[in-house]
Amino acid sequence: SVFRGTGFTVVHSIPSIALYLILYEQLKDRLRKSGSLQHSIVPVVAGSAARSVSVFLTSPLELIRTRIMAQNGTAVETVGWAKVLRQTVKNEGWISLCKGVVPTLYRDVPFSALYWFMAEYTRDTISASLAHNHQQGHPRLAGGDSPSMERVLVINLASGVLAGGAATVVTHPFDVIKTRSQVDMSVGSSSLRKGTLATLSDMLAKDGFMSLWSGVGPRALKVAPSCAIVLGSFEAFKRFFV
C-alpha cells in the first residue's frame, strides 16, 4: 500500500512535467527577448503561465492520481485507476474530472512563481561563484566558456533542491486544501459541493490553523529532491540534444 498509485503517478507526471518545462523555456526566452519585463520578473511570469496551462490540461489525471492514493485498504489491484475513473464519471459526471482545478491553481501557480524566481536566482549566484573560483585558479567546476556536465549538474541540482524546498513550505496549505477537495468519492456528500474557501473555513474551524501545514515535512522531503532531479535532468538533456 506504500506504493499505491505509483504507476499512475508516472503516467501523470511525464506529460505534465514535459509540457510544463517546455512551455516555461519558450515563454522565458520570448519574454527576455522582448525586453518588456525586468530580468528577475520573467521567471515568475513564465513559470506561472506555464503551470496554469499544464494544470488545466492534466487536471483529470491529477484527480485520479489523488483518489487512488487516498483509497482505504491495501488491495490496489481491486481498485485501480480504471475503476476509479469509471466510478468518478458514473457517480459525479464527466465535469467532475476537473474537480480540484481551482485549488490546484492556488497551489501550483504561487509554487511555480516562487520556485522559478528562486531557482534562476540561485543558478545565477552559484554560476557567478564558480566563475569567481575559476578566476582564482580553481577551474574544476567552472568549465570556461563551455560549462562541464559536472558544473551543469551541481548548479541545477543545488538550485532545484533549495528552490523546491522553500516553495513547498510556503505553498503547502494550498496542497492540503486541494487534497481535501479531491479525495471524497461518496455520492451526495456535502463536501462535494464545497468550494476552496468553504473547505479552508471548515478546516480552520475543525482542525485549527496548523492543520494547513499537516504533512509538510514528508512533502518537502519528496518535492525538494524531485525538483532537483527534474531540473538537473532537463538541463542535461538540453545540453545533449538542443
Protein backbone atom coordinates (compact mmCIF):
# COMPACT_ATOMS: atom_id res chain seq x y z
CA SER A 1 0.00 0.00 0.00
CA VAL A 2 3.03 2.30 0.45
CA PHE A 3 3.43 2.35 -3.33
CA ARG A 4 -0.27 2.80 -4.11
CA GLY A 5 -0.72 4.93 -7.21
CA THR A 6 2.95 4.85 -8.20
CA GLY A 7 2.29 3.58 -11.72
CA PHE A 8 -0.38 6.13 -12.42
CA THR A 9 1.77 8.86 -10.87
CA VAL A 10 4.41 8.13 -13.50
CA VAL A 11 1.79 8.21 -16.27
CA HIS A 12 0.54 11.56 -14.95
CA SER A 13 3.94 13.10 -14.30
CA ILE A 14 5.60 12.51 -17.67
CA PRO A 15 3.22 14.59 -19.86
CA SER A 16 2.64 17.14 -17.12
CA ILE A 17 6.33 17.85 -16.44
CA ALA A 18 7.30 17.74 -20.12
CA LEU A 19 4.59 20.22 -21.08
CA TYR A 20 5.39 22.44 -18.11
CA LEU A 21 9.14 22.68 -18.73
CA ILE A 22 8.85 23.20 -22.48
CA LEU A 23 6.28 25.95 -22.02
CA TYR A 24 8.40 27.61 -19.35
CA GLU A 25 11.53 27.64 -21.51
CA GLN A 26 9.66 29.00 -24.52
CA LEU A 27 7.90 31.73 -22.53
CA LYS A 28 11.06 32.70 -20.67
CA ASP A 29 13.05 33.05 -23.89
CA ARG A 30 10.32 35.10 -25.59
CA LEU A 31 9.83 37.42 -22.63
CA ARG A 32 13.56 38.04 -22.23
CA LYS A 33 13.96 38.75 -25.94
CA SER A 34 11.02 41.17 -25.89
CA GLY A 35 12.53 43.15 -23.00
CA SER A 36 9.05 44.01 -21.74
CA LEU A 37 9.75 42.78 -18.19
CA GLN A 38 12.61 43.08 -15.72
CA HIS A 39 15.04 40.17 -15.89
CA SER A 40 14.15 38.93 -12.38
CA ILE A 41 10.38 39.04 -13.05
CA VAL A 42 10.49 36.94 -16.22
CA PRO A 43 10.78 33.56 -14.39
CA VAL A 44 7.80 34.49 -12.19
CA VAL A 45 5.53 35.27 -15.15
CA ALA A 46 6.77 32.41 -17.34
CA GLY A 47 6.52 29.86 -14.51
CA SER A 48 3.02 30.95 -13.51
CA ALA A 49 1.69 30.91 -17.07
CA ALA A 50 3.29 27.56 -17.95
CA ARG A 51 1.97 25.91 -14.82
CA SER A 52 -1.54 27.25 -15.36
CA VAL A 53 -1.72 25.69 -18.83
CA SER A 54 -0.26 22.41 -17.58
CA VAL A 55 -2.76 22.19 -14.71
CA PHE A 56 -5.76 22.75 -16.96
CA LEU A 57 -4.65 20.13 -19.49
CA THR A 58 -3.67 17.42 -16.98
CA SER A 59 -6.23 18.02 -14.19
CA PRO A 60 -8.20 14.78 -14.87
CA LEU A 61 -5.02 12.74 -14.40
CA GLU A 62 -4.25 14.61 -11.18
CA LEU A 63 -7.72 13.90 -9.81
CA ILE A 64 -7.50 10.17 -10.49
CA ARG A 65 -3.99 10.01 -9.01
CA THR A 66 -5.10 11.76 -5.82
CA ARG A 67 -8.10 9.48 -5.36
CA ILE A 68 -6.07 6.32 -5.96
CA MET A 69 -3.59 7.38 -3.27
CA ALA A 70 -6.41 8.25 -0.85
CA GLN A 71 -8.10 4.83 -1.04
CA ASN A 72 -8.69 2.86 2.13
CA GLY A 73 -7.39 -0.67 2.36
CA THR A 74 -4.46 -2.31 0.66
CA ALA A 75 -5.97 -4.17 -2.29
CA VAL A 76 -4.51 -2.00 -5.00
CA GLU A 77 -5.44 -4.44 -7.79
CA THR A 78 -9.15 -4.36 -6.98
CA VAL A 79 -9.45 -0.58 -7.16
CA GLY A 80 -7.06 0.55 -9.89
CA TRP A 81 -7.11 3.71 -11.93
CA ALA A 82 -9.64 2.37 -14.48
CA LYS A 83 -12.18 1.56 -11.78
CA VAL A 84 -11.59 4.89 -10.04
CA LEU A 85 -12.17 6.66 -13.37
CA ARG A 86 -15.40 4.73 -14.04
CA GLN A 87 -16.72 5.36 -10.53
CA THR A 88 -15.93 9.06 -10.74
CA VAL A 89 -17.64 9.54 -14.11
CA LYS A 90 -20.62 7.36 -13.15
CA ASN A 91 -21.26 8.97 -9.78
CA GLU A 92 -20.29 12.57 -10.47
CA GLY A 93 -20.28 13.07 -14.25
CA TRP A 94 -17.51 13.95 -16.70
CA ILE A 95 -17.24 17.50 -15.41
CA SER A 96 -16.06 16.10 -12.07
CA LEU A 97 -12.74 15.18 -13.71
CA CYS A 98 -11.88 18.85 -13.44
CA LYS A 99 -12.67 18.90 -9.72
CA GLY A 100 -9.84 20.49 -7.81
CA VAL A 101 -8.53 22.66 -10.66
CA VAL A 102 -9.03 25.88 -8.68
CA PRO A 103 -7.23 24.74 -5.50
CA THR A 104 -4.55 23.14 -7.68
CA LEU A 105 -4.00 26.50 -9.37
CA TYR A 106 -3.93 28.17 -5.94
CA ARG A 107 -1.11 25.79 -5.02
CA ASP A 108 0.82 25.39 -8.26
CA VAL A 109 0.84 28.96 -9.60
CA PRO A 110 2.37 30.51 -6.45
CA PHE A 111 4.67 27.49 -6.16
CA SER A 112 5.89 27.90 -9.74
CA ALA A 113 6.32 31.66 -9.41
CA LEU A 114 8.38 31.30 -6.23
CA TYR A 115 10.22 28.20 -7.42
CA TRP A 116 11.45 29.65 -10.70
CA PHE A 117 12.31 33.01 -9.15
CA MET A 118 14.49 31.27 -6.56
CA ALA A 119 15.87 28.65 -8.96
CA GLU A 120 17.01 31.24 -11.51
CA TYR A 121 18.44 33.48 -8.79
CA THR A 122 20.27 30.55 -7.21
CA ARG A 123 21.60 29.38 -10.57
CA ASP A 124 22.94 32.84 -11.33
CA THR A 125 24.51 33.12 -7.88
CA ILE A 126 26.18 29.69 -8.00
CA SER A 127 27.36 30.27 -11.56
CA ALA A 128 28.93 33.59 -10.55
CA SER A 129 30.59 31.92 -7.56
CA LEU A 130 32.01 29.13 -9.71
CA ALA A 131 33.25 31.65 -12.28
CA HIS A 132 35.00 33.51 -9.48
CA ASN A 133 36.63 30.28 -8.32
CA HIS A 134 37.83 29.73 -11.88
CA GLN A 135 39.44 33.15 -11.91
CA GLN A 136 41.10 32.35 -8.59
CA GLY A 137 42.66 29.22 -10.04
CA HIS A 138 40.05 26.58 -9.14
CA PRO A 139 38.71 25.58 -12.56
CA ARG A 140 37.41 22.10 -11.70
CA LEU A 141 33.71 23.01 -11.87
CA ALA A 142 33.91 26.20 -13.89
CA GLY A 143 34.49 24.74 -17.31
CA GLY A 144 35.38 28.01 -19.01
CA ASP A 145 33.08 29.23 -21.74
CA SER A 146 31.58 25.77 -22.16
CA PRO A 147 30.39 24.58 -18.72
CA SER A 148 31.24 20.98 -17.89
CA MET A 149 28.47 18.46 -17.28
CA GLU A 150 29.58 18.29 -13.67
CA ARG A 151 29.10 22.03 -13.33
CA VAL A 152 25.67 21.89 -15.00
CA LEU A 153 24.53 19.19 -12.60
CA VAL A 154 25.94 20.89 -9.49
CA ILE A 155 24.29 24.20 -10.31
CA ASN A 156 20.89 22.77 -11.20
CA LEU A 157 20.68 20.11 -8.50
CA ALA A 158 21.53 22.68 -5.83
CA SER A 159 19.15 25.26 -7.27
CA GLY A 160 16.35 22.74 -7.62
CA VAL A 161 16.54 21.39 -4.08
CA LEU A 162 16.77 24.84 -2.45
CA ALA A 163 14.02 26.44 -4.52
CA GLY A 164 11.80 23.36 -4.36
CA GLY A 165 12.07 23.03 -0.58
CA ALA A 166 11.32 26.70 0.08
CA ALA A 167 8.40 26.86 -2.36
CA THR A 168 6.93 23.67 -0.89
CA VAL A 169 6.84 25.00 2.66
CA VAL A 170 5.31 28.34 1.64
CA THR A 171 2.56 26.86 -0.56
CA HIS A 172 1.81 23.69 1.43
CA PRO A 173 -1.56 24.91 2.79
CA PHE A 174 -2.89 25.03 -0.77
CA ASP A 175 -1.82 21.42 -1.28
CA VAL A 176 -3.71 20.36 1.84
CA ILE A 177 -6.86 22.15 0.66
CA LYS A 178 -6.52 20.66 -2.84
CA THR A 179 -6.23 17.14 -1.47
CA ARG A 180 -9.20 17.60 0.84
CA SER A 181 -11.35 18.80 -2.08
CA GLN A 182 -10.47 15.79 -4.27
CA VAL A 183 -10.42 12.72 -2.04
CA ASP A 184 -14.12 12.48 -1.17
CA MET A 185 -15.72 9.96 -3.51
CA SER A 186 -19.02 9.43 -1.67
CA VAL A 187 -22.15 10.29 -3.64
CA GLY A 188 -24.24 13.06 -2.19
CA SER A 189 -21.62 14.15 0.30
CA SER A 190 -21.87 17.83 1.18
CA SER A 191 -18.12 18.16 0.73
CA LEU A 192 -18.59 17.60 -2.99
CA ARG A 193 -20.35 20.94 -3.16
CA LYS A 194 -17.78 22.84 -1.15
CA GLY A 195 -15.55 25.35 -2.83
CA THR A 196 -11.99 26.18 -1.94
CA LEU A 197 -12.86 28.90 0.58
CA ALA A 198 -15.52 26.73 2.20
CA THR A 199 -13.03 23.87 2.55
CA LEU A 200 -10.48 26.25 4.08
CA SER A 201 -13.05 27.61 6.54
CA ASP A 202 -14.14 24.11 7.52
CA MET A 203 -10.55 23.01 8.16
CA LEU A 204 -9.77 26.05 10.28
CA ALA A 205 -12.93 25.57 12.34
CA LYS A 206 -12.44 21.83 12.94
CA ASP A 207 -8.68 21.31 12.98
CA GLY A 208 -7.11 24.70 13.62
CA PHE A 209 -4.60 26.84 11.75
CA MET A 210 -1.68 24.40 12.00
CA SER A 211 -3.68 21.73 10.14
CA LEU A 212 -2.84 23.66 6.98
CA TRP A 213 0.77 22.51 7.40
CA SER A 214 -0.10 18.91 8.16
CA GLY A 215 2.37 16.66 6.34
CA VAL A 216 4.65 19.50 5.21
CA GLY A 217 7.78 17.59 6.26
CA PRO A 218 7.21 14.45 4.15
CA ARG A 219 6.05 16.57 1.20
CA ALA A 220 9.15 18.76 1.36
CA LEU A 221 11.35 15.66 1.54
CA LYS A 222 9.65 14.38 -1.61
CA VAL A 223 9.31 17.59 -3.63
CA ALA A 224 12.73 19.17 -3.00
CA PRO A 225 14.83 16.29 -4.39
CA SER A 226 12.26 15.73 -7.15
CA CYS A 227 12.68 19.34 -8.27
CA ALA A 228 16.44 18.93 -8.20
CA ILE A 229 16.34 15.74 -10.28
CA VAL A 230 13.90 17.20 -12.83
CA LEU A 231 15.85 20.45 -13.22
CA GLY A 232 19.22 18.72 -13.44
CA SER A 233 17.94 16.12 -15.91
CA PHE A 234 16.23 18.74 -18.08
CA GLU A 235 19.33 20.90 -18.32
CA ALA A 236 21.50 17.87 -19.05
CA PHE A 237 19.03 16.81 -21.76
CA LYS A 238 19.18 20.29 -23.31
CA ARG A 239 22.96 20.15 -23.33
CA PHE A 240 23.00 16.93 -25.32
CA PHE A 241 20.03 17.32 -27.65
CA VAL A 242 19.29 21.04 -28.09
